[in-house]
Protein backbone atom coordinates (compact mmCIF):
# COMPACT_ATOMS: atom_id res chain seq x y z
CA UNK A 1 146.75 26.40 78.31
CA UNK A 2 146.45 25.83 82.04
CA UNK A 3 147.55 27.18 85.40
CA UNK A 4 150.74 29.04 86.25
CA UNK A 5 152.54 25.68 86.46
CA UNK A 6 151.79 25.15 82.76
CA UNK A 7 152.74 28.65 81.63
CA UNK A 8 155.81 29.49 83.73
CA UNK A 9 158.07 26.82 82.14
CA UNK A 10 157.20 28.12 78.67
CA UNK A 11 158.08 31.66 79.75
CA UNK A 12 161.41 30.31 81.03
CA UNK A 13 162.07 28.56 77.73
CA UNK A 14 161.06 31.61 75.70
CA UNK A 15 163.53 33.71 77.71
CA UNK A 16 166.26 31.15 77.02
CA UNK A 17 165.45 31.07 73.30
CA UNK A 18 165.48 34.86 73.16
CA UNK A 19 168.87 35.00 74.88
CA UNK A 20 170.18 32.49 72.33
CA UNK A 21 169.15 34.78 69.47
CA UNK A 22 165.81 33.22 68.52
CA UNK A 23 162.41 34.86 68.25
CA UNK A 24 160.00 33.37 70.79
CA UNK A 25 156.44 34.13 71.80
CA UNK A 26 154.17 32.60 74.44
CA UNK A 27 150.41 32.34 74.11
CA UNK A 28 148.63 31.74 77.42
CA UNK A 29 145.96 32.96 79.79
CA UNK A 30 145.80 36.69 80.45
CA UNK A 31 146.34 35.89 84.17
CA UNK A 32 150.04 35.28 83.53
CA UNK A 33 150.90 38.15 81.20
CA UNK A 34 152.63 40.09 84.04
CA UNK A 35 154.89 37.09 84.66
CA UNK A 36 156.03 37.08 81.04
CA UNK A 37 156.43 40.85 80.86
CA UNK A 38 158.58 40.80 84.01
CA UNK A 39 161.04 38.57 82.15
CA UNK A 40 160.88 40.52 78.89
CA UNK A 41 159.07 37.73 77.04
CA UNK A 42 156.66 38.46 74.18
CA UNK A 43 153.25 37.25 75.36
CA UNK A 44 149.89 36.85 73.65
CA UNK A 45 147.11 36.88 76.29
CA UNK A 46 144.01 34.71 75.94
CA UNK A 47 140.98 36.51 77.38
CA UNK A 48 140.08 33.79 79.88
CA UNK A 49 141.01 32.83 83.44
CA UNK A 50 141.94 29.66 85.30
CA UNK A 51 139.43 30.71 87.98
CA UNK A 52 136.61 29.70 85.65
CA UNK A 53 137.85 26.11 85.67
CA UNK A 54 137.82 25.98 89.46
CA UNK A 55 134.79 28.10 90.32
CA UNK A 56 132.44 25.15 90.85
CA UNK A 57 134.97 23.60 93.21
CA UNK A 58 133.91 26.01 95.95
CA UNK A 59 130.77 23.96 96.62
CA UNK A 60 130.78 20.66 98.49
CA UNK A 61 129.64 18.81 95.35
CA UNK A 62 132.28 20.63 93.29
CA UNK A 63 135.06 19.57 95.65
CA UNK A 64 133.82 15.97 95.42
CA UNK A 65 133.93 16.16 91.61
CA UNK A 66 137.47 17.56 91.64
CA UNK A 67 138.61 14.72 93.91
CA UNK A 68 138.13 12.07 91.18
CA UNK A 69 140.01 11.50 87.91
CA UNK A 70 136.83 11.45 85.77
CA UNK A 71 135.62 14.60 87.51
CA UNK A 72 138.89 16.40 86.86
CA UNK A 73 138.75 15.37 83.21
CA UNK A 74 135.19 16.64 82.92
CA UNK A 75 136.15 19.98 84.49
CA UNK A 76 139.07 20.35 82.07
CA UNK A 77 136.91 19.50 79.04
CA UNK A 78 134.22 21.95 80.14
CA UNK A 79 136.81 24.67 80.66
CA UNK A 80 138.28 24.06 77.21
CA UNK A 81 134.82 24.66 75.72
CA UNK A 82 134.76 27.94 77.61
CA UNK A 83 138.15 29.11 76.28
CA UNK A 84 137.93 27.82 72.69
CA UNK A 85 136.72 31.12 71.21
CA UNK A 86 139.16 33.50 72.96
CA UNK A 87 141.99 31.01 72.41
CA UNK A 88 141.27 30.80 68.66
CA UNK A 89 141.01 34.57 68.37
CA UNK A 90 144.32 35.08 70.16
CA UNK A 91 146.06 32.40 68.10
CA UNK A 92 144.83 33.47 64.68
CA UNK A 93 145.47 37.11 65.54
CA UNK A 94 149.19 36.38 66.00
CA UNK A 95 149.81 34.21 62.94
CA UNK A 96 151.95 35.63 60.17
CA UNK A 97 152.80 33.91 56.89
CA UNK A 98 155.02 31.31 58.50
CA UNK A 99 158.80 31.21 58.51
CA UNK A 100 161.39 28.50 57.81
CA UNK A 101 162.31 26.76 61.04
CA UNK A 102 159.15 27.88 62.83
CA UNK A 103 158.14 25.56 65.68
CA UNK A 104 154.99 25.40 67.79
CA UNK A 105 155.40 24.00 71.29
CA UNK A 106 152.23 22.86 73.00
CA UNK A 107 151.05 21.11 76.11
CA UNK A 108 148.96 17.97 75.78
CA UNK A 109 145.63 19.82 75.82
CA UNK A 110 146.40 21.72 72.62
CA UNK A 111 148.76 19.34 70.83
CA UNK A 112 146.26 18.87 67.98
CA UNK A 113 146.33 22.66 67.53
CA UNK A 114 150.09 22.41 66.96
CA UNK A 115 149.48 19.60 64.47
CA UNK A 116 146.90 21.78 62.69
CA UNK A 117 149.46 24.58 62.34
CA UNK A 118 151.85 22.06 60.82
CA UNK A 119 149.21 21.01 58.29
CA UNK A 120 148.16 24.59 57.51
CA UNK A 121 151.53 26.36 57.43
CA UNK A 122 154.36 23.88 57.83
CA UNK A 123 155.26 24.74 61.43
CA UNK A 124 157.19 22.10 63.36
CA UNK A 125 154.96 20.78 66.21
CA UNK A 126 156.45 19.71 69.54
CA UNK A 127 154.47 18.32 72.46
CA UNK A 128 155.76 19.36 75.89
CA UNK A 129 154.99 17.35 79.03
CA UNK A 130 156.05 18.19 82.58
CA UNK A 131 155.56 14.78 84.14
CA UNK A 132 155.53 11.04 83.45
CA UNK A 133 152.67 11.19 80.99
CA UNK A 134 154.13 9.51 77.90
CA UNK A 135 153.14 5.87 77.27
CA UNK A 136 155.59 3.49 78.96
CA UNK A 137 155.47 0.12 80.68
CA UNK A 138 157.90 1.34 83.37
CA UNK A 139 155.66 2.22 86.33
CA UNK A 140 158.11 4.63 87.99
CA UNK A 141 157.91 6.77 84.82
CA UNK A 142 154.13 6.90 84.36
CA UNK A 143 151.72 8.95 86.42
CA UNK A 144 148.89 6.38 86.35
CA UNK A 145 151.11 3.45 87.25
CA UNK A 146 148.86 2.52 90.19
CA UNK A 147 146.49 1.15 87.54
CA UNK A 148 149.14 -1.22 86.17
CA UNK A 149 148.84 -4.98 86.64
CA UNK A 150 151.99 -6.17 88.42
CA UNK A 151 152.93 -9.22 86.40
CA UNK A 152 155.42 -10.20 83.72
CA UNK A 153 152.82 -12.32 81.94
CA UNK A 154 152.10 -11.46 78.32
CA UNK A 155 148.44 -10.73 79.06
CA UNK A 156 149.43 -8.26 81.82
CA UNK A 157 151.83 -6.40 79.55
CA UNK A 158 149.15 -6.25 76.86
CA UNK A 159 146.64 -4.93 79.42
CA UNK A 160 149.06 -2.27 80.66
CA UNK A 161 150.02 -1.28 77.12
CA UNK A 162 146.36 -0.82 76.17
CA UNK A 163 145.70 1.18 79.34
CA UNK A 164 148.55 3.63 78.89
CA UNK A 165 147.68 4.11 75.22
CA UNK A 166 144.04 4.85 76.03
CA UNK A 167 145.14 7.22 78.78
CA UNK A 168 147.29 9.11 76.27
CA UNK A 169 144.41 9.33 73.80
CA UNK A 170 142.02 10.56 76.49
CA UNK A 171 144.57 13.15 77.64
CA UNK A 172 144.88 14.45 74.08
CA UNK A 173 141.10 14.48 73.65
CA UNK A 174 140.44 16.81 76.59
CA UNK A 175 141.39 19.77 74.40
CA UNK A 176 139.29 18.64 71.45
CA UNK A 177 136.86 21.57 71.61
CA UNK A 178 139.69 24.04 71.16
CA UNK A 179 141.48 22.12 68.40
CA UNK A 180 138.20 21.58 66.51
CA UNK A 181 137.50 25.31 66.70
CA UNK A 182 140.99 26.15 65.40
CA UNK A 183 140.85 23.55 62.62
CA UNK A 184 137.54 24.86 61.33
CA UNK A 185 138.86 28.42 61.41
CA UNK A 186 141.87 27.25 59.34
CA UNK A 187 139.65 25.33 56.93
CA UNK A 188 141.10 21.96 57.95
CA UNK A 189 139.30 18.64 58.43
CA UNK A 190 138.78 17.45 62.01
CA UNK A 191 140.28 14.00 62.67
CA UNK A 192 138.92 11.52 65.19
CA UNK A 193 140.43 11.39 68.67
CA UNK A 194 142.69 8.39 68.02
CA UNK A 195 143.79 9.80 64.66
CA UNK A 196 144.56 13.22 66.19
CA UNK A 197 146.74 11.47 68.78
CA UNK A 198 148.50 9.43 66.08
CA UNK A 199 149.26 12.54 64.01
CA UNK A 200 150.67 14.40 67.00
CA UNK A 201 152.73 11.35 67.97
CA UNK A 202 154.50 11.51 64.60
CA UNK A 203 156.31 14.62 65.88
CA UNK A 204 158.81 15.12 68.71
CA UNK A 205 158.04 15.36 72.42
CA UNK A 206 160.00 17.26 75.04
CA UNK A 207 159.87 15.97 78.63
CA UNK A 208 160.53 19.06 80.76
CA UNK A 209 161.09 17.26 84.07
CA UNK A 210 164.16 16.24 86.00
CA UNK A 211 165.09 12.57 85.54
CA UNK A 212 165.42 12.51 89.33
CA UNK A 213 161.65 13.01 89.58
CA UNK A 214 160.59 11.33 86.31
CA UNK A 215 163.09 8.58 85.46
CA UNK A 216 163.88 8.34 81.74
CA UNK A 217 161.98 5.37 80.31
CA UNK A 218 163.74 3.29 77.63
CA UNK A 219 160.43 2.61 75.86
CA UNK A 220 159.28 6.22 75.48
CA UNK A 221 158.20 6.96 71.88
CA UNK A 222 160.88 7.74 69.31
CA UNK A 223 161.62 11.45 69.08
CA UNK A 224 161.31 12.01 72.84
CA UNK A 225 163.93 14.18 74.53
CA UNK A 226 164.19 14.86 78.28
CA UNK A 227 165.75 18.15 79.36
CA UNK A 228 165.11 18.68 83.06
CA UNK A 229 162.81 21.28 84.57
CA UNK A 230 162.48 24.63 82.75
CA UNK A 231 163.38 27.22 85.38
CA UNK A 232 162.95 30.99 85.13
CA UNK A 233 166.19 32.99 85.13
CA UNK A 234 167.06 34.94 88.25
CA UNK A 235 166.19 38.63 88.13
CA UNK A 236 168.45 39.79 90.92
CA UNK A 237 168.32 39.15 94.65
CA UNK A 238 164.84 38.82 96.11
CA UNK A 239 164.15 41.20 99.00
CA UNK A 240 161.54 39.99 101.52
CA UNK A 241 159.23 42.51 103.14
CA UNK A 242 159.82 43.41 106.78
CA UNK A 243 157.12 41.08 108.10
CA UNK A 244 158.47 38.02 106.28
CA UNK A 245 162.08 38.83 107.16
CA UNK A 246 161.15 39.35 110.80
CA UNK A 247 159.14 36.13 110.99
CA UNK A 248 162.00 34.08 109.58
CA UNK A 249 164.49 35.67 111.98
CA UNK A 250 162.30 35.28 115.09
CA UNK A 251 162.56 31.53 115.56
CA UNK A 252 163.55 28.17 114.07
CA UNK A 253 162.94 27.65 110.33
CA UNK A 254 159.21 27.22 109.67
CA UNK A 255 157.49 24.67 107.44
CA UNK A 256 155.98 25.91 104.19
CA UNK A 257 152.44 24.62 103.57
CA UNK A 258 150.80 25.53 100.25
CA UNK A 259 148.44 23.93 97.77
CA UNK A 260 149.13 25.89 94.57
CA UNK A 261 146.25 26.77 92.25
CA UNK A 262 144.10 24.14 93.97
CA UNK A 263 143.98 26.30 97.11
CA UNK A 264 141.45 28.41 95.23
CA UNK A 265 138.80 25.73 95.77
CA UNK A 266 139.23 25.79 99.53
CA UNK A 267 140.33 29.35 100.37
CA UNK A 268 139.71 30.20 104.00
CA UNK A 269 139.33 26.51 104.93
CA UNK A 270 142.92 25.86 103.85
CA UNK A 271 144.29 28.61 106.06
CA UNK A 272 142.19 27.49 109.02
CA UNK A 273 143.46 23.93 108.51
CA UNK A 274 147.09 25.06 108.31
CA UNK A 275 146.85 27.39 111.32
CA UNK A 276 145.21 24.76 113.53
CA UNK A 277 147.69 22.06 112.46
CA UNK A 278 150.64 24.34 113.20
CA UNK A 279 149.38 24.96 116.73
CA UNK A 280 148.77 21.23 117.34
CA UNK A 281 152.22 20.30 116.04
CA UNK A 282 154.02 23.14 117.82
CA UNK A 283 155.51 24.20 114.47
CA UNK A 284 155.82 27.59 112.81
CA UNK A 285 154.38 27.67 109.29
CA UNK A 286 154.38 29.88 106.22
CA UNK A 287 151.45 29.60 103.80
CA UNK A 288 150.34 31.62 100.73
CA UNK A 289 148.01 34.58 101.20
CA UNK A 290 145.02 35.15 98.95
CA UNK A 291 145.88 36.80 95.62
CA UNK A 292 146.08 40.55 96.06
CA UNK A 293 146.40 40.26 99.85
CA UNK A 294 149.59 41.54 101.51
CA UNK A 295 151.72 39.43 103.83
CA UNK A 296 150.03 39.14 107.23
CA UNK A 297 150.05 37.06 110.41
CA UNK A 298 147.34 34.43 110.77
CA UNK A 299 148.58 33.67 114.28
CA UNK A 300 151.81 34.09 116.21
CA UNK A 301 153.14 30.89 114.61
CA UNK A 302 151.56 31.20 111.14
CA UNK A 303 152.36 33.73 108.42
CA UNK A 304 150.45 34.18 105.16
CA UNK A 305 152.82 35.53 102.51
CA UNK A 306 152.08 37.48 99.37
CA UNK A 307 153.82 36.36 96.19
CA UNK A 308 157.38 35.37 97.00
CA UNK A 309 159.99 33.64 94.86
CA UNK A 310 159.92 29.93 95.78
CA UNK A 311 163.57 29.58 94.78
CA UNK A 312 164.38 32.08 97.55
CA UNK A 313 161.85 30.95 100.16
CA UNK A 314 161.89 27.15 100.10
CA UNK A 315 165.61 26.64 100.88
CA UNK A 316 164.99 28.64 104.07
CA UNK A 317 162.25 26.26 105.24
CA UNK A 318 162.60 23.26 107.56
CA UNK A 319 160.38 21.36 105.13
CA UNK A 320 157.66 21.79 102.53
CA UNK A 321 154.12 20.41 102.37
CA UNK A 322 152.56 21.02 98.97
CA UNK A 323 149.94 19.76 96.51
CA UNK A 324 152.35 17.81 94.30
CA UNK A 325 152.09 19.88 91.13
CA UNK A 326 154.91 19.27 88.66
CA UNK A 327 156.43 22.73 88.98
CA UNK A 328 156.22 22.94 92.77
CA UNK A 329 157.59 19.40 93.17
CA UNK A 330 160.57 20.19 90.94
CA UNK A 331 161.25 23.47 92.72
CA UNK A 332 161.09 21.77 96.12
CA UNK A 333 163.53 19.07 95.02
CA UNK A 334 165.87 21.77 93.75
CA UNK A 335 165.65 23.54 97.12
CA UNK A 336 167.13 20.48 98.83
CA UNK A 337 164.74 20.40 101.80
CA UNK A 338 162.45 17.57 103.03
CA UNK A 339 159.05 17.56 101.38
CA UNK A 340 155.78 15.67 101.24
CA UNK A 341 152.68 16.10 99.08
CA UNK A 342 148.98 16.16 99.89
CA UNK A 343 147.75 15.54 96.33
CA UNK A 344 144.38 16.53 94.89
CA UNK A 345 144.51 14.51 91.66
CA UNK A 346 145.79 14.39 88.06
CA UNK A 347 149.60 13.97 88.13
CA UNK A 348 149.90 15.02 91.78
CA UNK A 349 149.55 11.53 93.35
CA UNK A 350 152.38 10.36 91.09
CA UNK A 351 154.71 13.13 92.26
CA UNK A 352 153.66 12.44 95.86
CA UNK A 353 154.62 8.77 95.51
CA UNK A 354 157.90 9.65 93.82
CA UNK A 355 158.94 12.00 96.65
CA UNK A 356 158.36 9.24 99.19
CA UNK A 357 160.15 6.67 97.00
CA UNK A 358 163.11 9.05 96.69
CA UNK A 359 163.34 9.23 100.49
CA UNK A 360 162.87 12.98 100.92
CA UNK A 361 159.73 12.75 103.04
CA UNK A 362 157.09 10.50 104.64
CA UNK A 363 154.23 8.80 102.82
CA UNK A 364 151.80 11.28 101.24
CA UNK A 365 148.35 12.01 102.61
CA UNK A 366 145.62 12.69 99.99
CA UNK A 367 143.91 16.03 100.49
CA UNK A 368 140.58 14.23 100.92
CA UNK A 369 141.85 12.84 104.25
CA UNK A 370 142.37 16.39 105.51
CA UNK A 371 138.90 17.61 104.56
CA UNK A 372 137.22 16.92 107.90
CA UNK A 373 137.29 19.94 110.26
CA UNK A 374 137.48 17.49 113.16
CA UNK A 375 140.27 15.14 112.05
CA UNK A 376 142.01 17.07 109.26
CA UNK A 377 144.11 19.37 111.50
CA UNK A 378 145.34 16.40 113.59
CA UNK A 379 146.38 14.48 110.47
CA UNK A 380 148.18 17.49 109.02
CA UNK A 381 149.87 18.13 112.38
CA UNK A 382 151.19 14.54 112.41
CA UNK A 383 152.47 15.01 108.87
CA UNK A 384 154.31 18.21 109.85
CA UNK A 385 155.90 16.43 112.79
CA UNK A 386 156.86 13.35 110.78
CA UNK A 387 158.44 15.53 108.09
CA UNK A 388 160.73 17.65 110.26
CA UNK A 389 161.01 15.94 113.68
CA UNK A 390 159.90 12.34 113.28
CA UNK A 391 162.09 9.21 113.38
CA UNK A 392 162.89 9.51 109.68
CA UNK A 393 163.44 13.28 109.54
CA UNK A 394 167.26 13.15 109.66
CA UNK A 395 167.25 10.79 106.69
CA UNK A 396 164.83 13.02 104.81
CA UNK A 397 167.12 16.02 105.30
CA UNK A 398 170.22 14.16 104.13
CA UNK A 399 168.51 12.67 101.08
CA UNK A 400 166.86 15.97 100.12
CA UNK A 401 170.21 17.78 100.29
CA UNK A 402 171.85 15.09 98.13
CA UNK A 403 169.14 15.15 95.45
CA UNK A 404 168.87 18.94 95.55
CA UNK A 405 172.51 19.22 94.48
CA UNK A 406 171.86 16.86 91.57
CA UNK A 407 168.77 18.73 90.37
CA UNK A 408 170.42 22.15 90.67
CA UNK A 409 173.22 20.92 88.41
CA UNK A 410 170.74 20.36 85.57
CA UNK A 411 170.21 23.03 82.91
CA UNK A 412 166.78 22.26 81.51
CA UNK A 413 166.44 25.50 79.56
CA UNK A 414 169.91 25.28 78.02
CA UNK A 415 169.34 21.66 77.04
CA UNK A 416 165.94 22.48 75.52
CA UNK A 417 167.30 25.44 73.56
CA UNK A 418 170.11 23.33 72.09
CA UNK A 419 167.72 20.51 71.18
CA UNK A 420 165.17 22.86 69.59
CA UNK A 421 167.86 24.69 67.65
CA UNK A 422 168.98 21.41 66.14
CA UNK A 423 165.40 20.21 65.60
CA UNK A 424 164.25 23.27 63.69
CA UNK A 425 167.20 23.15 61.29
CA UNK A 426 166.33 19.61 60.19
CA UNK A 427 163.67 18.53 57.75
CA UNK A 428 160.11 18.41 59.07
CA UNK A 429 158.51 14.95 58.61
CA UNK A 430 155.49 14.79 56.35
């Protein structure tokens, strides 16, 4: 349950499982059914949309709410209340009698649903995370590490340990409305938040992120396995439309500037910001067009593109400025080009810090610092210049190319398929 960045990796894994001879099915928002169908993956659509979660972000107050961690949590919890009924209907409508070796893979929001299916029908639950979300005292491997106390003292370690545990419990609790609805439909008791987290923690976790981005932590919970990013298989050579092909051929490589699903809360303001910054920086840019809108020129030096395969587009860019989502960050690293994030919130600031620490781009600039129509374009223009033509740009290019080769050598889907195959042939813990 979530945006395209939550669903696409599961579609990739389902395709890999299918190719390895397993039966696999993805349950997710109806928005992403065409993505699954395009890859021949069995998909169960939930009659709800990610737009509902972001609709209040179009107002000034809504954007302020989405700029804070508590606000983002509240938005997620409210959205889960909205989707609990269609989610439960879609889930229960697909359940058979259960099969030996059956596994249920779930993101953090619905991990108690997976536990409920274990209790009701013996399915093997697996939590899947795409970032450094698991409890750990290693700050480079945890997405809220800026809250850590930097000290080796016993009290500091105890403080940090309590904080990361509470963060994990809160993360699990955000989907409580959905899991409660499912449990009641299955005739199961509803555990408390801490107990639901404990029960889910008794089962394995898959970390679907490159260790380049999320370093493997030695103190991750037992049963954790890291695979690398789950990447969709190629479906043949991508063919750009004439406008995109002509724009790329008409000058030096442009910079890609895109904010993922979060662009929906800013819409026209984002494109105005990008277009003005491109002109101030003297840089050509490519940015996403509105859904359903064809590729079109915003200005002579700015092109808005309809859906285009990032694996094809990003390696052709001089650099990438993005929101720092887990999927986009991993894809940009794999492309081997300089990148920098302008994070909104959640795990995005963590990915933004990691990119800078890895040496592939300058220090990140939070999206809130670009919100002013007066100063935002100038700040973004400076970021574009620093990324591709500043004093550190040669180093960014060399480091990005080096790490890109490492990430491309990973086989996250193959590793996950092998691990799951072994997991589901072993005894399920009681």
